[in-house]
């Protein structure tokens, strides 16, 4: 999926002028950092980043040396383990014969549309009721592309079961769950790319429990203190941090070890390791225009800082629906909001940065509502594979608790 320059040009021209200006500033920040040997980290949420092909694009950017670390949600790890996106048939579970109270709120159930080879691979790992599976495939319902695994039979069940094996291997080898899963993952997943290049791809504490058994296993693979330290270390080494479709980012980027926003003050007081966001460049891609308003009010009149000084709720003082992450973000001197759709901003950002650095990208995502975006989604379904259990085990055999990668 190489770059379609015409689509990229049209997406850029369709942006509001302010978004174009901010995008160019973000590109300059990233290029300047990389040209000086600096590092860039991405902090991404789940759903939209998967649907828009952003996580697959980030994997490509890891391979090309542009992204040097990722923090994300357990839901993303779950879906990447299952191949990122898949085709499923959605059908009425009650009509099919399932108990209503055991179904999701809409009463629908999903079945994965698998090749014969893929189905046989799963059968070698877990028992599958083939008669039930075939009946589901022929149930009346729509065929759609959605995040892989999740509630679809049998890929969701397979991922749940596999999570327990990944956790056991991760603990035995002394590595995070995400890294162990990455050894068997497709190289166009973030966990696969991270494992291949020994680059951290870590789930943040606020996003631990979004992926069923995967989320629990991710949480059990490291202590909370160790996870927070690793995330803080990842951000400390980054010169530029890019946030994308993310909630609760204040709890991610200031955390218990960060001094600038104040939460790490006692760790520092007690002589522990801390870091500061004071000189970091933080680019946030967000559709919420209130983020822009909070950021502008802080730049014009220090209104967010004033609310902190007075101990007042920011919502009442600024008269906008105030999300917690707006406070820390607005007060960081090097923060830069880009109000826009990540499906547009990320491919533009990646293309412009790669061009400036003289890097050729072999994969490119596009806004999913565009024909090019639909082709990308189909391509991901076809080409990005689930975690290969045997490949993961082979990698685990090369590790020892005393010598993890």
Protein backbone atom coordinates (compact mmCIF):
# COMPACT_ATOMS: atom_id res chain seq x y z
CA UNK A 1 0.00 0.00 0.00
CA UNK A 2 2.32 2.76 -1.25
CA UNK A 3 1.56 6.48 -1.02
CA UNK A 4 -1.09 7.88 -3.34
CA UNK A 5 0.15 11.45 -3.71
CA UNK A 6 -3.11 12.69 -5.16
CA UNK A 7 -5.12 11.43 -2.18
CA UNK A 8 -2.58 12.97 0.22
CA UNK A 9 -2.75 16.30 -1.61
CA UNK A 10 -6.55 16.32 -1.54
CA UNK A 11 -6.66 15.49 2.17
CA UNK A 12 -4.26 18.32 2.97
CA UNK A 13 -6.14 20.84 0.83
CA UNK A 14 -9.37 19.83 2.55
CA UNK A 15 -8.06 20.75 6.00
CA UNK A 16 -8.98 24.10 7.59
CA UNK A 17 -6.13 26.62 7.26
CA UNK A 18 -5.38 26.52 11.00
CA UNK A 19 -5.00 22.74 10.91
CA UNK A 20 -2.67 23.05 7.92
CA UNK A 21 -0.48 25.52 9.80
CA UNK A 22 -0.41 23.38 12.93
CA UNK A 23 0.39 20.27 10.90
CA UNK A 24 3.38 21.99 9.29
CA UNK A 25 4.59 23.08 12.73
CA UNK A 26 4.28 19.52 14.02
CA UNK A 27 6.23 18.19 11.05
CA UNK A 28 8.99 20.71 11.72
CA UNK A 29 9.18 19.69 15.39
CA UNK A 30 9.50 16.01 14.50
CA UNK A 31 11.99 16.53 11.66
CA UNK A 32 14.18 18.81 13.80
CA UNK A 33 14.22 16.23 16.57
CA UNK A 34 15.09 13.33 14.25
CA UNK A 35 17.80 15.28 12.43
CA UNK A 36 19.46 15.95 15.79
CA UNK A 37 19.33 12.28 16.73
CA UNK A 38 16.32 12.72 19.00
CA UNK A 39 13.40 10.38 19.64
CA UNK A 40 9.68 10.50 18.92
CA UNK A 41 7.05 8.63 20.94
CA UNK A 42 3.40 8.00 20.10
CA UNK A 43 0.71 7.75 22.80
CA UNK A 44 -2.42 6.33 21.22
CA UNK A 45 -5.86 5.19 22.30
CA UNK A 46 -7.75 2.30 20.77
CA UNK A 47 -10.78 2.22 18.44
CA UNK A 48 -10.21 5.00 15.89
CA UNK A 49 -6.47 4.34 15.63
CA UNK A 50 -7.20 0.74 14.58
CA UNK A 51 -10.11 1.48 12.25
CA UNK A 52 -8.23 4.25 10.44
CA UNK A 53 -5.12 2.11 9.92
CA UNK A 54 -3.08 4.38 12.20
CA UNK A 55 -1.63 1.53 14.29
CA UNK A 56 -0.49 -0.19 11.09
CA UNK A 57 1.04 3.08 9.90
CA UNK A 58 2.80 3.47 13.25
CA UNK A 59 4.29 0.00 12.81
CA UNK A 60 5.68 1.16 9.46
CA UNK A 61 7.07 4.30 11.10
CA UNK A 62 8.81 2.12 13.70
CA UNK A 63 10.42 0.06 10.92
CA UNK A 64 11.59 3.27 9.23
CA UNK A 65 13.13 4.68 12.41
CA UNK A 66 10.69 7.59 12.79
CA UNK A 67 8.77 6.36 15.85
CA UNK A 68 10.95 5.23 18.79
CA UNK A 69 8.35 4.10 21.31
CA UNK A 70 4.61 3.66 21.78
CA UNK A 71 2.23 3.59 24.70
CA UNK A 72 -1.30 2.41 24.03
CA UNK A 73 -4.27 0.48 25.41
CA UNK A 74 -4.74 -3.20 26.15
CA UNK A 75 -7.59 -3.20 23.62
CA UNK A 76 -5.07 -2.34 20.88
CA UNK A 77 -2.82 -5.20 22.01
CA UNK A 78 -5.86 -7.51 21.95
CA UNK A 79 -6.79 -6.55 18.40
CA UNK A 80 -3.22 -6.61 17.08
CA UNK A 81 -2.83 -10.13 18.49
CA UNK A 82 -5.85 -11.11 16.36
CA UNK A 83 -4.57 -9.38 13.20
CA UNK A 84 -5.82 -5.77 13.73
CA UNK A 85 -8.92 -5.90 11.46
CA UNK A 86 -11.08 -8.78 10.25
CA UNK A 87 -14.30 -9.50 8.40
CA UNK A 88 -17.19 -10.75 10.49
CA UNK A 89 -20.86 -11.55 10.05
CA UNK A 90 -23.10 -9.83 12.60
CA UNK A 91 -26.39 -11.54 13.32
CA UNK A 92 -29.25 -11.47 15.82
CA UNK A 93 -28.08 -13.68 18.65
CA UNK A 94 -31.52 -14.14 20.20
CA UNK A 95 -33.05 -15.33 16.94
CA UNK A 96 -30.06 -17.62 16.52
CA UNK A 97 -30.78 -19.21 19.88
CA UNK A 98 -28.46 -17.59 22.44
CA UNK A 99 -29.74 -16.48 25.84
CA UNK A 100 -30.57 -12.75 25.69
CA UNK A 101 -29.02 -11.89 29.06
CA UNK A 102 -25.68 -13.33 27.95
CA UNK A 103 -25.45 -11.19 24.83
CA UNK A 104 -24.23 -7.59 24.47
CA UNK A 105 -26.76 -4.76 24.77
CA UNK A 106 -27.78 -4.87 21.10
CA UNK A 107 -28.37 -8.62 21.19
CA UNK A 108 -26.02 -9.27 18.28
CA UNK A 109 -23.29 -11.89 17.95
CA UNK A 110 -20.37 -12.03 15.52
CA UNK A 111 -18.59 -14.81 13.67
CA UNK A 112 -15.18 -14.45 12.00
CA UNK A 113 -15.01 -15.12 8.28
CA UNK A 114 -11.87 -17.21 8.06
CA UNK A 115 -9.93 -18.97 5.34
CA UNK A 116 -9.70 -22.76 5.59
CA UNK A 117 -6.02 -22.46 6.51
CA UNK A 118 -6.65 -19.91 9.27
CA UNK A 119 -9.48 -21.97 10.72
CA UNK A 120 -7.26 -25.07 10.79
CA UNK A 121 -4.53 -23.12 12.58
CA UNK A 122 -6.96 -22.09 15.30
CA UNK A 123 -8.30 -25.64 15.56
CA UNK A 124 -4.79 -26.84 16.41
CA UNK A 125 -4.84 -24.55 19.45
CA UNK A 126 -8.39 -24.58 20.81
CA UNK A 127 -11.47 -26.77 20.34
CA UNK A 128 -13.95 -25.29 17.86
CA UNK A 129 -17.52 -26.42 17.34
CA UNK A 130 -17.40 -26.61 13.54
CA UNK A 131 -21.11 -27.31 13.23
CA UNK A 132 -21.92 -24.20 15.29
CA UNK A 133 -19.35 -22.17 13.34
CA UNK A 134 -20.85 -23.17 9.98
CA UNK A 135 -24.34 -22.39 11.23
CA UNK A 136 -23.18 -18.93 12.32
CA UNK A 137 -21.59 -18.28 8.94
CA UNK A 138 -24.95 -18.87 7.26
CA UNK A 139 -27.01 -16.83 9.72
CA UNK A 140 -28.80 -13.80 8.33
CA UNK A 141 -26.75 -10.67 8.94
CA UNK A 142 -24.36 -8.07 7.56
CA UNK A 143 -20.70 -8.69 6.74
CA UNK A 144 -18.51 -5.86 8.00
CA UNK A 145 -14.86 -5.05 8.67
CA UNK A 146 -14.12 -4.34 12.31
CA UNK A 147 -11.36 -4.67 14.89
CA UNK A 148 -10.10 -8.23 15.01
CA UNK A 149 -10.82 -10.73 17.76
CA UNK A 150 -12.97 -8.93 20.29
CA UNK A 151 -16.43 -10.60 20.37
CA UNK A 152 -16.14 -12.65 17.16
CA UNK A 153 -16.11 -16.45 17.29
CA UNK A 154 -13.60 -18.05 17.23
CA UNK A 155 -10.91 -15.34 16.94
CA UNK A 156 -11.96 -13.54 20.12
CA UNK A 157 -11.97 -16.79 22.10
CA UNK A 158 -8.61 -17.77 20.65
CA UNK A 159 -7.07 -14.46 21.75
CA UNK A 160 -8.51 -14.88 25.26
CA UNK A 161 -6.96 -18.34 25.56
CA UNK A 162 -3.66 -17.27 24.01
CA UNK A 163 -3.33 -14.41 26.50
CA UNK A 164 -2.77 -16.90 29.32
CA UNK A 165 0.08 -18.58 27.43
CA UNK A 166 1.65 -15.23 26.57
CA UNK A 167 1.51 -14.20 30.23
CA UNK A 168 3.21 -17.41 31.35
CA UNK A 169 5.99 -16.95 28.79
CA UNK A 170 6.38 -13.26 29.65
CA UNK A 171 6.82 -13.98 33.34
CA UNK A 172 9.21 -16.83 32.66
CA UNK A 173 11.38 -14.66 30.42
CA UNK A 174 11.11 -11.47 32.47
CA UNK A 175 9.60 -9.27 29.74
CA UNK A 176 6.31 -7.33 29.44
CA UNK A 177 3.30 -9.15 27.98
CA UNK A 178 3.28 -6.76 25.02
CA UNK A 179 6.86 -7.66 24.11
CA UNK A 180 6.30 -11.40 24.37
CA UNK A 181 3.17 -11.21 22.21
CA UNK A 182 5.14 -9.07 19.78
CA UNK A 183 7.61 -11.88 19.11
CA UNK A 184 4.83 -13.80 17.41
CA UNK A 185 2.92 -10.84 15.97
CA UNK A 186 2.79 -9.57 12.41
CA UNK A 187 5.52 -7.05 11.67
CA UNK A 188 2.85 -4.54 10.60
CA UNK A 189 1.44 -4.42 14.11
CA UNK A 190 2.96 -2.06 16.65
CA UNK A 191 3.79 -4.93 19.00
CA UNK A 192 5.41 -6.88 16.16
CA UNK A 193 7.46 -3.92 14.97
CA UNK A 194 8.43 -3.03 18.53
CA UNK A 195 9.65 -6.56 19.29
CA UNK A 196 11.59 -6.72 16.02
CA UNK A 197 13.47 -3.49 16.73
CA UNK A 198 13.62 -3.77 20.53
CA UNK A 199 11.47 -0.63 20.86
CA UNK A 200 9.04 -0.35 23.79
CA UNK A 201 5.34 -0.73 23.04
CA UNK A 202 3.62 -0.55 26.41
CA UNK A 203 0.07 -0.33 27.73
CA UNK A 204 -0.57 2.62 30.00
CA UNK A 205 -2.09 2.06 33.44
CA UNK A 206 -5.33 4.00 32.71
CA UNK A 207 -5.87 1.81 29.63
CA UNK A 208 -5.09 -1.59 31.18
CA UNK A 209 -8.48 -3.26 31.28
CA UNK A 210 -9.90 -2.63 27.81
CA UNK A 211 -9.05 -5.99 26.30
CA UNK A 212 -10.69 -8.75 28.33
CA UNK A 213 -8.23 -11.47 29.37
CA UNK A 214 -5.51 -9.66 27.43
CA UNK A 215 -5.91 -6.58 29.62
CA UNK A 216 -5.75 -8.65 32.79
CA UNK A 217 -2.70 -10.53 31.54
CA UNK A 218 -0.96 -7.31 30.51
CA UNK A 219 -1.60 -5.95 34.00
CA UNK A 220 -0.31 -9.13 35.65
CA UNK A 221 2.90 -9.22 33.61
CA UNK A 222 4.46 -6.20 35.37
CA UNK A 223 3.84 -4.54 38.70
CA UNK A 224 2.08 -1.15 38.50
CA UNK A 225 5.23 0.57 39.75
CA UNK A 226 7.38 -1.11 37.10
CA UNK A 227 4.86 -0.26 34.36
CA UNK A 228 4.67 3.39 35.42
CA UNK A 229 8.45 3.59 35.52
CA UNK A 230 8.81 2.11 32.04
CA UNK A 231 6.21 4.47 30.59
CA UNK A 232 7.90 7.44 32.28
CA UNK A 233 11.27 6.33 30.94
CA UNK A 234 9.81 6.02 27.43
CA UNK A 235 8.45 9.58 27.60
CA UNK A 236 11.60 10.94 29.24
CA UNK A 237 13.72 9.74 26.31
CA UNK A 238 11.34 11.27 23.75
CA UNK A 239 11.90 14.78 22.43
CA UNK A 240 8.50 14.82 20.74
CA UNK A 241 5.36 13.06 22.00
CA UNK A 242 2.37 12.59 19.66
CA UNK A 243 -1.01 11.92 21.27
CA UNK A 244 -3.75 10.41 19.13
CA UNK A 245 -7.42 9.63 19.91
CA UNK A 246 -6.51 9.34 23.56
CA UNK A 247 -8.40 9.80 26.82
CA UNK A 248 -6.91 10.26 30.29
CA UNK A 249 -3.62 11.45 28.84
CA UNK A 250 -2.85 13.59 31.91
CA UNK A 251 -2.60 10.42 33.97
CA UNK A 252 -0.35 9.01 31.25
CA UNK A 253 2.13 11.77 30.66
CA UNK A 254 2.49 13.36 34.06
CA UNK A 255 2.08 10.27 36.21
CA UNK A 256 3.94 9.60 39.47
CA UNK A 257 7.43 10.46 38.20
CA UNK A 258 6.86 13.76 36.34
CA UNK A 259 7.93 17.04 38.00
CA UNK A 260 6.61 19.82 35.75
CA UNK A 261 2.93 19.24 36.49
CA UNK A 262 3.75 18.46 40.11
CA UNK A 263 2.77 14.81 40.55
CA UNK A 264 6.36 13.65 40.89
CA UNK A 265 7.31 16.19 43.52
CA UNK A 266 7.42 13.71 46.40
CA UNK A 267 9.27 11.05 44.43
CA UNK A 268 11.91 13.69 43.73
CA UNK A 269 11.78 14.89 47.36
CA UNK A 270 12.53 11.36 48.51
CA UNK A 271 15.50 11.12 46.14
CA UNK A 272 13.86 8.91 43.53
CA UNK A 273 14.21 9.13 39.75
CA UNK A 274 11.93 11.67 38.08
CA UNK A 275 11.68 13.49 34.77
CA UNK A 276 10.11 16.70 33.43
CA UNK A 277 7.84 17.59 30.52
CA UNK A 278 9.01 21.21 30.64
CA UNK A 279 11.05 20.98 27.44
CA UNK A 280 9.04 18.31 25.63
CA UNK A 281 7.14 19.00 22.44
CA UNK A 282 3.70 17.39 22.72
CA UNK A 283 1.49 17.24 19.64
CA UNK A 284 -2.11 16.22 20.29
CA UNK A 285 -4.43 15.17 17.45
CA UNK A 286 -7.97 15.57 18.73
CA UNK A 287 -11.44 16.30 17.34
CA UNK A 288 -12.51 18.20 20.48
CA UNK A 289 -12.48 21.93 19.77
CA UNK A 290 -12.56 22.58 23.54
CA UNK A 291 -8.95 21.41 23.69
CA UNK A 292 -8.07 24.24 21.30
CA UNK A 293 -10.06 26.73 23.40
CA UNK A 294 -8.36 25.68 26.65
CA UNK A 295 -4.94 25.79 24.98
CA UNK A 296 -5.58 29.27 23.53
CA UNK A 297 -6.93 30.67 26.81
CA UNK A 298 -3.81 29.48 28.60
CA UNK A 299 -1.62 31.09 25.93
CA UNK A 300 -3.52 34.40 26.08
CA UNK A 301 -4.23 34.83 29.78
CA UNK A 302 -2.82 31.86 31.72
CA UNK A 303 -6.40 30.97 32.63
CA UNK A 304 -5.66 27.29 33.32
CA UNK A 305 -2.70 28.18 35.51
CA UNK A 306 -4.81 30.81 37.27
CA UNK A 307 -7.45 28.20 38.09
CA UNK A 308 -4.74 25.98 39.58
CA UNK A 309 -3.38 28.88 41.68
CA UNK A 310 -6.85 29.70 43.00
CA UNK A 311 -7.87 26.10 43.55
CA UNK A 312 -10.90 26.57 41.33
CA UNK A 313 -12.54 24.01 39.00
CA UNK A 314 -11.36 24.75 35.46
CA UNK A 315 -14.82 24.08 34.03
CA UNK A 316 -16.42 26.88 36.02
CA UNK A 317 -13.64 29.39 35.46
CA UNK A 318 -13.24 28.75 31.71
CA UNK A 319 -16.90 27.95 30.98
CA UNK A 320 -16.13 24.99 28.74
CA UNK A 321 -16.59 21.22 29.23
CA UNK A 322 -13.15 20.56 30.69
CA UNK A 323 -11.44 17.19 30.37
CA UNK A 324 -8.62 16.48 32.79
CA UNK A 325 -6.00 16.06 30.09
CA UNK A 326 -6.60 19.63 28.92
CA UNK A 327 -5.02 21.00 32.09
CA UNK A 328 -1.60 19.40 31.85
CA UNK A 329 -1.50 19.69 28.06
CA UNK A 330 -2.41 23.39 27.99
CA UNK A 331 0.21 24.30 30.60
CA UNK A 332 3.11 22.52 28.89
CA UNK A 333 5.04 25.22 26.98
CA UNK A 334 5.82 22.95 24.03
CA UNK A 335 2.30 21.61 23.50
CA UNK A 336 0.61 21.94 20.13
CA UNK A 337 -3.01 20.91 19.40
CA UNK A 338 -4.16 19.84 15.95
CA UNK A 339 -7.94 19.72 15.81
CA UNK A 340 -8.74 17.17 13.14
CA UNK A 341 -9.55 13.59 12.18
CA UNK A 342 -6.67 11.20 12.92
CA UNK A 343 -7.56 9.39 9.69
CA UNK A 344 -6.46 12.52 7.83
CA UNK A 345 -3.79 13.98 10.10
CA UNK A 346 -1.66 10.86 10.61
CA UNK A 347 -1.10 9.98 6.93
CA UNK A 348 -0.34 13.63 6.19
CA UNK A 349 2.02 13.87 9.14
CA UNK A 350 3.78 10.62 8.23
CA UNK A 351 4.13 11.53 4.56
CA UNK A 352 5.46 15.03 5.21
CA UNK A 353 7.93 13.84 7.86
CA UNK A 354 9.15 10.96 5.69
CA UNK A 355 9.60 13.27 2.69
CA UNK A 356 11.58 15.77 4.78
CA UNK A 357 13.83 13.01 6.12
CA UNK A 358 14.27 11.30 2.76
CA UNK A 359 12.54 8.13 3.95
CA UNK A 360 10.42 5.93 1.67
CA UNK A 361 7.32 4.52 3.32
CA UNK A 362 6.07 1.15 2.06
CA UNK A 363 2.68 1.41 3.76
CA UNK A 364 0.27 4.33 4.00
CA UNK A 365 -3.16 4.64 5.61
CA UNK A 366 -5.96 6.98 4.53
CA UNK A 367 -9.18 8.26 6.02
CA UNK A 368 -11.48 5.23 6.08
CA UNK A 369 -14.42 7.05 4.49
CA UNK A 370 -12.36 7.55 1.31
CA UNK A 371 -12.11 4.84 -1.38
CA UNK A 372 -8.37 4.67 -0.64
CA UNK A 373 -9.16 4.17 3.05
CA UNK A 374 -11.54 1.31 2.28
CA UNK A 375 -8.83 -0.35 0.19
CA UNK A 376 -6.41 -0.05 3.11
CA UNK A 377 -8.89 -1.71 5.45
CA UNK A 378 -9.36 -4.58 3.00
CA UNK A 379 -5.57 -4.86 2.66
CA UNK A 380 -5.10 -5.07 6.43
CA UNK A 381 -7.75 -7.79 6.71
CA UNK A 382 -5.97 -9.81 4.04
CA UNK A 383 -2.31 -9.24 4.89
CA UNK A 384 -1.89 -8.48 8.61
CA UNK A 385 -1.87 -11.83 10.41
CA UNK A 386 -2.69 -12.84 14.00
CA UNK A 387 0.01 -13.77 16.49
CA UNK A 388 1.79 -16.95 15.48
CA UNK A 389 2.03 -19.00 18.64
CA UNK A 390 4.91 -21.19 17.47
CA UNK A 391 7.00 -18.20 16.44
CA UNK A 392 6.41 -16.66 19.86
CA UNK A 393 7.49 -19.86 21.59
CA UNK A 394 10.61 -20.04 19.42
CA UNK A 395 11.56 -16.52 20.48
CA UNK A 396 10.86 -17.35 24.13
CA UNK A 397 13.25 -20.30 23.98
CA UNK A 398 16.06 -17.89 23.08
CA UNK A 399 15.40 -15.77 26.17
CA UNK A 400 16.26 -16.43 29.77
CA UNK A 401 15.10 -14.57 32.89
CA UNK A 402 18.66 -13.39 33.39
CA UNK A 403 19.08 -12.16 29.82
CA UNK A 404 15.79 -10.70 28.46
CA UNK A 405 15.93 -8.59 25.32
